[in-house]
Amino acid sequence: MKKSIDGKALVYCDGAFNTPNGKTAHGLVRFTERYDIVGVIDANYAGRDAGEVLDGKPSGIPVFATID
């Protein structure tokens, strides 16, 4: 696991994760070294791996339906 600079982050992108409107979320899942991304919230992809949704490769970042 990479060490993050500014802590952990949960990315809220409900209904927009795998769309052009989710560009910031895409960048956080794919490239950030600033945060340890612990999950993405998007009910459309709940239960899947965020990396697989975007690029077909697992990232270890789960997608959740809600913040609960």
PDB file of N, CA and C in Angstrom:
ATOM      1  N   MET A   1       0.829  -1.185   0.000  1.00  0.00           N
ATOM      2  CA  MET A   1       0.000   0.000   0.000  1.00  0.00           C
ATOM      3  C   MET A   1       0.874   1.249   0.000  1.00  0.00           C
ATOM      4  N   LYS A   2       0.541   2.206  -0.878  1.00  0.00           N
ATOM      5  CA  LYS A   2       1.290   3.461  -0.939  1.00  0.00           C
ATOM      6  C   LYS A   2       0.987   4.330   0.268  1.00  0.00           C
ATOM      7  N   LYS A   3       1.964   5.087   0.690  1.00  0.00           N
ATOM      8  CA  LYS A   3       1.735   6.056   1.744  1.00  0.00           C
ATOM      9  C   LYS A   3       1.189   7.327   1.109  1.00  0.00           C
ATOM     10  N   SER A   4       0.087   7.820   1.657  1.00  0.00           N
ATOM     11  CA  SER A   4      -0.522   9.031   1.122  1.00  0.00           C
ATOM     12  C   SER A   4       0.011  10.259   1.851  1.00  0.00           C
ATOM     13  N   ILE A   5      -0.115  11.391   1.219  1.00  0.00           N
ATOM     14  CA  ILE A   5       0.339  12.650   1.797  1.00  0.00           C
ATOM     15  C   ILE A   5      -0.723  13.245   2.712  1.00  0.00           C
ATOM     16  N   ASP A   6      -1.962  13.266   2.236  1.00  0.00           N
ATOM     17  CA  ASP A   6      -3.034  13.964   2.958  1.00  0.00           C
ATOM     18  C   ASP A   6      -4.105  13.054   3.534  1.00  0.00           C
ATOM     19  N   GLY A   7      -3.832  11.779   3.705  1.00  0.00           N
ATOM     20  CA  GLY A   7      -4.794  10.894   4.351  1.00  0.00           C
ATOM     21  C   GLY A   7      -5.657  10.114   3.387  1.00  0.00           C
ATOM     22  N   LYS A   8      -6.776   9.665   3.914  1.00  0.00           N
ATOM     23  CA  LYS A   8      -7.683   8.810   3.160  1.00  0.00           C
ATOM     24  C   LYS A   8      -8.810   9.628   2.551  1.00  0.00           C
ATOM     25  N   ALA A   9      -9.357   9.118   1.424  1.00  0.00           N
ATOM     26  CA  ALA A   9     -10.464   9.806   0.760  1.00  0.00           C
ATOM     27  C   ALA A   9     -11.461   8.780   0.234  1.00  0.00           C
ATOM     28  N   LEU A  10     -12.733   9.131   0.328  1.00  0.00           N
ATOM     29  CA  LEU A  10     -13.826   8.372  -0.250  1.00  0.00           C
ATOM     30  C   LEU A  10     -14.404   9.254  -1.346  1.00  0.00           C
ATOM     31  N   VAL A  11     -14.421   8.773  -2.575  1.00  0.00           N
ATOM     32  CA  VAL A  11     -14.818   9.578  -3.732  1.00  0.00           C
ATOM     33  C   VAL A  11     -16.316   9.419  -3.981  1.00  0.00           C
ATOM     34  N   TYR A  12     -17.059  10.520  -3.914  1.00  0.00           N
ATOM     35  CA  TYR A  12     -18.497  10.508  -4.197  1.00  0.00           C
ATOM     36  C   TYR A  12     -18.704  10.888  -5.658  1.00  0.00           C
ATOM     37  N   CYS A  13     -19.274   9.968  -6.410  1.00  0.00           N
ATOM     38  CA  CYS A  13     -19.462  10.205  -7.844  1.00  0.00           C
ATOM     39  C   CYS A  13     -20.723   9.473  -8.320  1.00  0.00           C
ATOM     40  N   ASP A  14     -21.770   9.483  -7.504  1.00  0.00           N
ATOM     41  CA  ASP A  14     -22.967   8.693  -7.764  1.00  0.00           C
ATOM     42  C   ASP A  14     -23.618   9.047  -9.096  1.00  0.00           C
ATOM     43  N   GLY A  15     -23.755   8.042  -9.937  1.00  0.00           N
ATOM     44  CA  GLY A  15     -24.393   8.206 -11.232  1.00  0.00           C
ATOM     45  C   GLY A  15     -23.500   8.778 -12.316  1.00  0.00           C
ATOM     46  N   ALA A  16     -22.247   9.061 -11.985  1.00  0.00           N
ATOM     47  CA  ALA A  16     -21.362   9.692 -12.974  1.00  0.00           C
ATOM     48  C   ALA A  16     -19.979   9.064 -13.038  1.00  0.00           C
ATOM     49  N   PHE A  17     -19.737   7.994 -12.292  1.00  0.00           N
ATOM     50  CA  PHE A  17     -18.368   7.482 -12.206  1.00  0.00           C
ATOM     51  C   PHE A  17     -17.777   7.101 -13.557  1.00  0.00           C
ATOM     52  N   ASN A  18     -18.462   6.307 -14.318  1.00  0.00           N
ATOM     53  CA  ASN A  18     -17.905   5.871 -15.604  1.00  0.00           C
ATOM     54  C   ASN A  18     -18.474   6.699 -16.751  1.00  0.00           C
ATOM     55  N   THR A  19     -18.462   8.025 -16.582  1.00  0.00           N
ATOM     56  CA  THR A  19     -18.941   8.956 -17.608  1.00  0.00           C
ATOM     57  C   THR A  19     -17.932  10.090 -17.744  1.00  0.00           C
ATOM     58  N   PRO A  20     -18.035  10.897 -18.794  1.00  0.00           N
ATOM     59  CA  PRO A  20     -17.150  12.060 -18.920  1.00  0.00           C
ATOM     60  C   PRO A  20     -17.305  13.059 -17.766  1.00  0.00           C
ATOM     61  N   ASN A  21     -18.444  13.051 -17.089  1.00  0.00           N
ATOM     62  CA  ASN A  21     -18.653  13.960 -15.958  1.00  0.00           C
ATOM     63  C   ASN A  21     -17.879  13.538 -14.717  1.00  0.00           C
ATOM     64  N   GLY A  22     -17.306  12.356 -14.723  1.00  0.00           N
ATOM     65  CA  GLY A  22     -16.566  11.859 -13.569  1.00  0.00           C
ATOM     66  C   GLY A  22     -15.063  12.001 -13.696  1.00  0.00           C
ATOM     67  N   LYS A  23     -14.590  12.972 -14.472  1.00  0.00           N
ATOM     68  CA  LYS A  23     -13.153  13.090 -14.749  1.00  0.00           C
ATOM     69  C   LYS A  23     -12.291  13.222 -13.489  1.00  0.00           C
ATOM     70  N   THR A  24     -12.734  13.996 -12.515  1.00  0.00           N
ATOM     71  CA  THR A  24     -11.941  14.153 -11.296  1.00  0.00           C
ATOM     72  C   THR A  24     -11.853  12.830 -10.546  1.00  0.00           C
ATOM     73  N   ALA A  25     -12.975  12.112 -10.472  1.00  0.00           N
ATOM     74  CA  ALA A  25     -12.975  10.796  -9.819  1.00  0.00           C
ATOM     75  C   ALA A  25     -12.051   9.838 -10.549  1.00  0.00           C
ATOM     76  N   HIS A  26     -12.058   9.876 -11.872  1.00  0.00           N
ATOM     77  CA  HIS A  26     -11.178   9.003 -12.661  1.00  0.00           C
ATOM     78  C   HIS A  26      -9.720   9.269 -12.300  1.00  0.00           C
ATOM     79  N   GLY A  27      -9.358  10.539 -12.248  1.00  0.00           N
ATOM     80  CA  GLY A  27      -7.980  10.905 -11.922  1.00  0.00           C
ATOM     81  C   GLY A  27      -7.577  10.448 -10.531  1.00  0.00           C
ATOM     82  N   LEU A  28      -8.486  10.584  -9.576  1.00  0.00           N
ATOM     83  CA  LEU A  28      -8.178  10.140  -8.215  1.00  0.00           C
ATOM     84  C   LEU A  28      -7.982   8.627  -8.157  1.00  0.00           C
ATOM     85  N   VAL A  29      -8.829   7.878  -8.817  1.00  0.00           N
ATOM     86  CA  VAL A  29      -8.713   6.414  -8.818  1.00  0.00           C
ATOM     87  C   VAL A  29      -7.457   5.975  -9.554  1.00  0.00           C
ATOM     88  N   ARG A  30      -7.149   6.610 -10.663  1.00  0.00           N
ATOM     89  CA  ARG A  30      -6.031   6.160 -11.493  1.00  0.00           C
ATOM     90  C   ARG A  30      -4.663   6.658 -11.034  1.00  0.00           C
ATOM     91  N   PHE A  31      -4.575   7.895 -10.592  1.00  0.00           N
ATOM     92  CA  PHE A  31      -3.253   8.522 -10.482  1.00  0.00           C
ATOM     93  C   PHE A  31      -2.859   9.128  -9.149  1.00  0.00           C
ATOM     94  N   THR A  32      -3.792   9.416  -8.253  1.00  0.00           N
ATOM     95  CA  THR A  32      -3.407  10.220  -7.095  1.00  0.00           C
ATOM     96  C   THR A  32      -2.385   9.532  -6.198  1.00  0.00           C
ATOM     97  N   GLU A  33      -1.436  10.307  -5.765  1.00  0.00           N
ATOM     98  CA  GLU A  33      -0.504   9.883  -4.731  1.00  0.00           C
ATOM     99  C   GLU A  33      -0.735  10.723  -3.486  1.00  0.00           C
ATOM    100  N   ARG A  34      -1.624  11.686  -3.602  1.00  0.00           N
ATOM    101  CA  ARG A  34      -1.914  12.586  -2.494  1.00  0.00           C
ATOM    102  C   ARG A  34      -2.810  11.931  -1.447  1.00  0.00           C
ATOM    103  N   TYR A  35      -3.742  11.093  -1.896  1.00  0.00           N
ATOM    104  CA  TYR A  35      -4.698  10.446  -0.992  1.00  0.00           C
ATOM    105  C   TYR A  35      -4.645   8.935  -1.141  1.00  0.00           C
ATOM    106  N   ASP A  36      -5.018   8.266  -0.075  1.00  0.00           N
ATOM    107  CA  ASP A  36      -5.266   6.833  -0.107  1.00  0.00           C
ATOM    108  C   ASP A  36      -6.768   6.701  -0.376  1.00  0.00           C
ATOM    109  N   ILE A  37      -7.145   6.354  -1.602  1.00  0.00           N
ATOM    110  CA  ILE A  37      -8.554   6.255  -1.968  1.00  0.00           C
ATOM    111  C   ILE A  37      -9.096   4.938  -1.408  1.00  0.00           C
ATOM    112  N   VAL A  38     -10.048   5.040  -0.486  1.00  0.00           N
ATOM    113  CA  VAL A  38     -10.584   3.860   0.186  1.00  0.00           C
ATOM    114  C   VAL A  38     -11.859   3.342  -0.471  1.00  0.00           C
ATOM    115  N   GLY A  39     -12.424   4.104  -1.393  1.00  0.00           N
ATOM    116  CA  GLY A  39     -13.621   3.650  -2.083  1.00  0.00           C
ATOM    117  C   GLY A  39     -14.225   4.741  -2.931  1.00  0.00           C
ATOM    118  N   VAL A  40     -15.165   4.321  -3.769  1.00  0.00           N
ATOM    119  CA  VAL A  40     -15.926   5.220  -4.640  1.00  0.00           C
ATOM    120  C   VAL A  40     -17.396   4.946  -4.350  1.00  0.00           C
ATOM    121  N   ILE A  41     -18.200   5.989  -4.304  1.00  0.00           N
ATOM    122  CA  ILE A  41     -19.644   5.813  -4.137  1.00  0.00           C
ATOM    123  C   ILE A  41     -20.323   6.073  -5.471  1.00  0.00           C
ATOM    124  N   ASP A  42     -20.916   5.026  -6.029  1.00  0.00           N
ATOM    125  CA  ASP A  42     -21.742   5.115  -7.237  1.00  0.00           C
ATOM    126  C   ASP A  42     -22.604   3.851  -7.276  1.00  0.00           C
ATOM    127  N   ALA A  43     -23.885   4.009  -7.023  1.00  0.00           N
ATOM    128  CA  ALA A  43     -24.807   2.869  -6.950  1.00  0.00           C
ATOM    129  C   ALA A  43     -24.823   2.053  -8.241  1.00  0.00           C
ATOM    130  N   ASN A  44     -24.524   2.678  -9.377  1.00  0.00           N
ATOM    131  CA  ASN A  44     -24.535   1.963 -10.657  1.00  0.00           C
ATOM    132  C   ASN A  44     -23.476   0.867 -10.731  1.00  0.00           C
ATOM    133  N   TYR A  45     -22.392   1.000  -9.986  1.00  0.00           N
ATOM    134  CA  TYR A  45     -21.280   0.049 -10.059  1.00  0.00           C
ATOM    135  C   TYR A  45     -20.970  -0.592  -8.714  1.00  0.00           C
ATOM    136  N   ALA A  46     -21.882  -0.492  -7.764  1.00  0.00           N
ATOM    137  CA  ALA A  46     -21.669  -1.028  -6.420  1.00  0.00           C
ATOM    138  C   ALA A  46     -21.273  -2.503  -6.472  1.00  0.00           C
ATOM    139  N   GLY A  47     -20.297  -2.857  -5.646  1.00  0.00           N
ATOM    140  CA  GLY A  47     -19.822  -4.230  -5.577  1.00  0.00           C
ATOM    141  C   GLY A  47     -18.685  -4.544  -6.528  1.00  0.00           C
ATOM    142  N   ARG A  48     -18.346  -3.602  -7.370  1.00  0.00           N
ATOM    143  CA  ARG A  48     -17.268  -3.823  -8.338  1.00  0.00           C
ATOM    144  C   ARG A  48     -15.989  -3.119  -7.889  1.00  0.00           C
ATOM    145  N   ASP A  49     -14.920  -3.359  -8.585  1.00  0.00           N
ATOM    146  CA  ASP A  49     -13.639  -2.704  -8.347  1.00  0.00           C
ATOM    147  C   ASP A  49     -13.562  -1.480  -9.260  1.00  0.00           C
ATOM    148  N   ALA A  50     -13.194  -0.336  -8.701  1.00  0.00           N
ATOM    149  CA  ALA A  50     -13.171   0.914  -9.468  1.00  0.00           C
ATOM    150  C   ALA A  50     -12.231   0.835 -10.670  1.00  0.00           C
ATOM    151  N   GLY A  51     -11.098   0.213 -10.519  1.00  0.00           N
ATOM    152  CA  GLY A  51     -10.156   0.073 -11.633  1.00  0.00           C
ATOM    153  C   GLY A  51     -10.717  -0.776 -12.750  1.00  0.00           C
ATOM    154  N   GLU A  52     -11.419  -1.834 -12.398  1.00  0.00           N
ATOM    155  CA  GLU A  52     -12.038  -2.680 -13.420  1.00  0.00           C
ATOM    156  C   GLU A  52     -13.126  -1.932 -14.177  1.00  0.00           C
ATOM    157  N   VAL A  53     -13.887  -1.106 -13.460  1.00  0.00           N
ATOM    158  CA  VAL A  53     -14.936  -0.312 -14.115  1.00  0.00           C
ATOM    159  C   VAL A  53     -14.311   0.631 -15.146  1.00  0.00           C
ATOM    160  N   LEU A  54     -13.233   1.297 -14.772  1.00  0.00           N
ATOM    161  CA  LEU A  54     -12.628   2.299 -15.658  1.00  0.00           C
ATOM    162  C   LEU A  54     -11.729   1.709 -16.733  1.00  0.00           C
ATOM    163  N   ASP A  55     -10.871   0.778 -16.336  1.00  0.00           N
ATOM    164  CA  ASP A  55      -9.801   0.332 -17.230  1.00  0.00           C
ATOM    165  C   ASP A  55      -9.728  -1.179 -17.444  1.00  0.00           C
ATOM    166  N   GLY A  56     -10.631  -1.916 -16.807  1.00  0.00           N
ATOM    167  CA  GLY A  56     -10.587  -3.365 -16.937  1.00  0.00           C
ATOM    168  C   GLY A  56      -9.496  -4.022 -16.119  1.00  0.00           C
ATOM    169  N   LYS A  57      -8.837  -3.262 -15.199  1.00  0.00           N
ATOM    170  CA  LYS A  57      -7.765  -3.797 -14.361  1.00  0.00           C
ATOM    171  C   LYS A  57      -8.072  -3.494 -12.902  1.00  0.00           C
ATOM    172  N   PRO A  58      -7.989  -4.482 -12.030  1.00  0.00           N
ATOM    173  CA  PRO A  58      -8.289  -4.237 -10.621  1.00  0.00           C
ATOM    174  C   PRO A  58      -7.352  -3.201  -9.992  1.00  0.00           C
ATOM    175  N   SER A  59      -7.927  -2.356  -9.142  1.00  0.00           N
ATOM    176  CA  SER A  59      -7.138  -1.357  -8.429  1.00  0.00           C
ATOM    177  C   SER A  59      -7.182  -1.571  -6.923  1.00  0.00           C
ATOM    178  N   GLY A  60      -8.063  -2.464  -6.471  1.00  0.00           N
ATOM    179  CA  GLY A  60      -8.219  -2.663  -5.035  1.00  0.00           C
ATOM    180  C   GLY A  60      -9.082  -1.599  -4.389  1.00  0.00           C
ATOM    181  N   ILE A  61      -9.744  -0.789  -5.196  1.00  0.00           N
ATOM    182  CA  ILE A  61     -10.622   0.270  -4.681  1.00  0.00           C
ATOM    183  C   ILE A  61     -12.064  -0.174  -4.907  1.00  0.00           C
ATOM    184  N   PRO A  62     -12.810  -0.462  -3.825  1.00  0.00           N
ATOM    185  CA  PRO A  62     -14.185  -0.927  -3.976  1.00  0.00           C
ATOM    186  C   PRO A  62     -15.143   0.206  -4.326  1.00  0.00           C
ATOM    187  N   VAL A  63     -16.225  -0.152  -5.006  1.00  0.00           N
ATOM    188  CA  VAL A  63     -17.299   0.800  -5.297  1.00  0.00           C
ATOM    189  C   VAL A  63     -18.483   0.427  -4.420  1.00  0.00           C
ATOM    190  N   PHE A  64     -19.028   1.427  -3.733  1.00  0.00           N
ATOM    191  CA  PHE A  64     -20.153   1.246  -2.814  1.00  0.00           C
ATOM    192  C   PHE A  64     -21.394   1.937  -3.347  1.00  0.00           C
ATOM    193  N   ALA A  65     -22.572   1.438  -2.952  1.00  0.00           N
ATOM    194  CA  ALA A  65     -23.834   2.043  -3.361  1.00  0.00           C
ATOM    195  C   ALA A  65     -24.124   3.319  -2.571  1.00  0.00           C
ATOM    196  N   THR A  66     -23.765   3.324  -1.287  1.00  0.00           N
ATOM    197  CA  THR A  66     -24.031   4.479  -0.420  1.00  0.00           C
ATOM    198  C   THR A  66     -22.854   4.667   0.535  1.00  0.00           C
ATOM    199  N   ILE A  67     -22.881   5.742   1.251  1.00  0.00           N
ATOM    200  CA  ILE A  67     -21.829   6.001   2.239  1.00  0.00           C
ATOM    201  C   ILE A  67     -21.988   5.092   3.456  1.00  0.00           C
ATOM    202  N   ASP A  68     -23.183   4.588   3.653  1.00  0.00           N
ATOM    203  CA  ASP A  68     -23.415   3.658   4.787  1.00  0.00           C
ATOM    204  C   ASP A  68     -22.652   2.379   4.564  1.00  0.00           C
TER     205      ASP A  68
END
